Amino acid sequence: MSRYRPPSAPKTPLITPEGYQTLADELDYLWRVKRPEVTRSVSEAAAQGDRSENAEYIYGKKLLREIDRRVRFLEKRLPELRVVREKPSDPSRIFFGAIVELEDLDTGEELQLRIVGPDEIDPKRNWISIDAPMARALLKKTIDDEVPVERPAGKAVFLVVDVRYGENQEKA
């Protein structure tokens, strides 16, 4: 049995300014604060003697590997990203960065989503990736458009109720 995994599809390199700043802050924190702390604790644990049975040393080394992995990822990913600062020329249509209010035509349930880059998705805030099937279906739609979406739970049809850009923007 092989350990080979086919490469994943490349992620869209778009990101909001807030998302970029969050990733840059995380990289800075890991590199300047967290890694030196963990390195110091690993050094102290190593000085205690037998490393094979030293839980602090073993855990610290594992944590250090995880930090290094994340730092490598961020150092590689940040230069690839393209920060989208400008609003689209037609703010009544759905594009990257849009906050969209939808109504499920089957259940009448209202849903608010924000279309963001794959590096900043947040299910708690209903931020979805521009690569997600729902976002792909919504792109270029406008208010009062009906949007059929194939979901894991089955096909659903949504009505676009509102489109706006930015966290505190007025409705279009």
Protein backbone atom coordinates (compact mmCIF):
# COMPACT_ATOMS: atom_id res chain seq x y z
CA MET A 1 0.00 0.00 0.00
CA SER A 2 1.38 3.37 -1.00
CA ARG A 3 1.48 6.56 1.05
CA TYR A 4 1.07 8.65 -2.08
CA ARG A 5 -1.66 11.25 -2.00
CA PRO A 6 -2.54 13.11 -5.14
CA PRO A 7 -1.93 16.85 -4.81
CA SER A 8 -4.96 18.84 -3.79
CA ALA A 9 -6.44 21.38 -6.16
CA PRO A 10 -4.75 24.76 -5.82
CA LYS A 11 -6.60 27.17 -3.57
CA THR A 12 -7.72 30.52 -4.90
CA PRO A 13 -5.07 33.08 -3.86
CA LEU A 14 -7.60 35.79 -2.96
CA ILE A 15 -7.88 37.15 0.58
CA THR A 16 -9.47 40.12 2.33
CA PRO A 17 -7.20 42.72 3.98
CA GLU A 18 -8.44 41.59 7.43
CA GLY A 19 -7.68 37.95 6.61
CA TYR A 20 -4.20 38.78 5.39
CA GLN A 21 -3.48 40.78 8.53
CA THR A 22 -4.70 37.90 10.70
CA LEU A 23 -2.34 35.43 8.98
CA ALA A 24 0.58 37.89 9.14
CA ASP A 25 -0.08 38.47 12.85
CA GLU A 26 -0.22 34.71 13.46
CA LEU A 27 3.15 34.25 11.72
CA ASP A 28 4.69 37.06 13.75
CA TYR A 29 3.29 35.66 17.02
CA LEU A 30 4.48 32.10 16.29
CA TRP A 31 7.95 33.23 15.23
CA ARG A 32 8.65 35.95 17.81
CA VAL A 33 6.68 34.79 20.87
CA LYS A 34 5.48 31.17 20.86
CA ARG A 35 8.51 29.46 19.30
CA PRO A 36 11.07 31.06 21.68
CA GLU A 37 8.87 30.13 24.68
CA VAL A 38 8.60 26.49 23.58
CA THR A 39 12.30 26.32 22.71
CA ARG A 40 13.17 27.60 26.20
CA SER A 41 10.88 25.03 27.87
CA VAL A 42 12.33 22.20 25.74
CA SER A 43 15.86 23.27 26.73
CA GLU A 44 14.89 23.27 30.39
CA ALA A 45 13.26 19.84 30.07
CA ALA A 46 16.32 18.45 28.25
CA ALA A 47 18.56 19.67 31.07
CA GLN A 48 16.65 17.50 33.55
CA GLY A 49 18.28 14.33 32.32
CA ASP A 50 16.81 11.25 30.62
CA ARG A 51 14.87 12.48 27.60
CA SER A 52 13.25 9.17 26.70
CA GLU A 53 10.90 9.30 29.69
CA ASN A 54 10.60 13.08 29.99
CA ALA A 55 7.02 13.98 29.03
CA GLU A 56 7.72 17.72 29.00
CA TYR A 57 10.59 17.22 26.58
CA ILE A 58 8.63 14.89 24.28
CA TYR A 59 5.56 17.15 24.26
CA GLY A 60 7.70 20.26 23.75
CA LYS A 61 9.48 18.74 20.75
CA LYS A 62 6.14 17.76 19.24
CA LEU A 63 4.77 21.27 19.80
CA LEU A 64 7.91 22.75 18.26
CA ARG A 65 7.44 20.61 15.12
CA GLU A 66 3.82 21.78 14.84
CA ILE A 67 4.86 25.43 15.20
CA ASP A 68 7.61 25.01 12.60
CA ARG A 69 5.17 23.33 10.20
CA ARG A 70 2.70 26.21 10.54
CA VAL A 71 5.47 28.83 10.17
CA ARG A 72 6.71 27.14 6.97
CA PHE A 73 3.16 27.05 5.60
CA LEU A 74 2.52 30.73 6.38
CA GLU A 75 5.89 31.84 4.99
CA LYS A 76 5.09 30.02 1.76
CA ARG A 77 1.40 31.02 1.56
CA LEU A 78 1.54 34.76 2.41
CA PRO A 79 3.59 35.80 -0.66
CA GLU A 80 1.18 33.85 -2.93
CA LEU A 81 -1.90 35.68 -1.68
CA ARG A 82 -3.55 38.57 -3.52
CA VAL A 83 -5.27 41.04 -1.19
CA VAL A 84 -8.55 42.34 -2.61
CA ARG A 85 -9.05 45.87 -1.31
CA GLU A 86 -11.31 47.41 -3.93
CA LYS A 87 -15.03 46.86 -4.23
CA PRO A 88 -16.34 45.52 -7.56
CA SER A 89 -17.44 47.95 -10.26
CA ASP A 90 -21.01 46.59 -9.93
CA PRO A 91 -21.76 46.35 -6.17
CA SER A 92 -25.25 44.97 -6.83
CA ARG A 93 -23.70 41.69 -8.06
CA ILE A 94 -22.08 38.99 -5.93
CA PHE A 95 -18.30 38.79 -6.13
CA PHE A 96 -15.42 38.08 -3.73
CA GLY A 97 -15.89 39.73 -0.33
CA ALA A 98 -19.67 40.07 -0.66
CA ILE A 99 -21.98 39.67 2.30
CA VAL A 100 -25.04 37.93 0.92
CA GLU A 101 -28.44 37.46 2.53
CA LEU A 102 -30.36 34.49 1.17
CA GLU A 103 -33.76 32.95 1.71
CA ASP A 104 -34.24 29.21 1.28
CA LEU A 105 -37.32 28.96 -0.92
CA ASP A 106 -38.21 25.50 0.45
CA THR A 107 -38.07 26.29 4.16
CA GLY A 108 -38.28 30.09 4.24
CA GLU A 109 -35.13 30.10 6.39
CA GLU A 110 -32.88 33.19 6.10
CA LEU A 111 -29.12 32.79 5.79
CA GLN A 112 -26.30 35.34 5.69
CA LEU A 113 -22.95 34.38 4.15
CA ARG A 114 -19.72 36.17 3.37
CA ILE A 115 -17.61 34.99 0.45
CA VAL A 116 -13.93 35.01 1.46
CA GLY A 117 -10.68 33.28 0.53
CA PRO A 118 -10.01 29.65 1.47
CA ASP A 119 -7.51 30.74 4.15
CA GLU A 120 -10.09 32.67 6.16
CA ILE A 121 -13.24 30.53 6.20
CA ASP A 122 -15.10 30.58 9.50
CA PRO A 123 -18.21 28.40 9.89
CA LYS A 124 -19.22 30.19 13.10
CA ARG A 125 -19.46 33.50 11.26
CA ASN A 126 -20.88 31.92 8.05
CA TRP A 127 -17.81 32.87 6.03
CA ILE A 128 -17.48 30.48 3.10
CA SER A 129 -14.65 29.96 0.63
CA ILE A 130 -14.96 31.33 -2.86
CA ASP A 131 -14.05 27.78 -3.93
CA ALA A 132 -17.13 26.30 -2.19
CA PRO A 133 -19.98 25.08 -4.42
CA MET A 134 -22.40 27.52 -2.73
CA ALA A 135 -20.14 30.50 -3.47
CA ARG A 136 -19.56 29.34 -7.05
CA ALA A 137 -23.31 29.18 -7.60
CA LEU A 138 -23.79 32.68 -6.14
CA LEU A 139 -21.07 34.47 -8.13
CA LYS A 140 -22.39 37.21 -10.46
CA LYS A 141 -25.95 36.86 -9.19
CA THR A 142 -27.91 39.92 -8.06
CA ILE A 143 -30.85 40.73 -5.77
CA ASP A 144 -34.05 38.71 -6.51
CA ASP A 145 -32.15 36.02 -8.46
CA GLU A 146 -33.03 32.41 -7.68
CA VAL A 147 -29.94 30.26 -7.19
CA PRO A 148 -30.11 26.45 -7.33
CA VAL A 149 -27.38 24.84 -5.21
CA GLU A 150 -26.43 21.17 -4.98
CA ARG A 151 -25.66 20.47 -1.31
CA PRO A 152 -24.81 17.28 0.61
CA ALA A 153 -28.34 17.38 2.05
CA GLY A 154 -29.79 17.61 -1.47
CA LYS A 155 -30.65 20.30 -3.96
CA ALA A 156 -31.89 23.63 -2.61
CA VAL A 157 -33.02 26.86 -4.23
CA PHE A 158 -32.17 30.20 -2.63
CA LEU A 159 -33.42 33.70 -3.33
CA VAL A 160 -30.83 36.50 -3.09
CA VAL A 161 -32.33 39.04 -0.69
CA ASP A 162 -29.40 41.44 -0.24
CA VAL A 163 -25.80 42.01 -1.38
CA ARG A 164 -23.30 44.33 0.30
CA TYR A 165 -19.55 44.69 0.70
CA GLY A 166 -17.46 45.25 3.81
CA GLU A 167 -18.38 44.50 7.42
CA ASN A 168 -20.36 47.67 8.09
CA GLN A 169 -21.53 48.62 4.62
CA GLU A 170 -25.01 49.88 3.87
CA LYS A 171 -27.37 47.66 1.94
CA ALA A 172 -27.24 47.90 -1.87
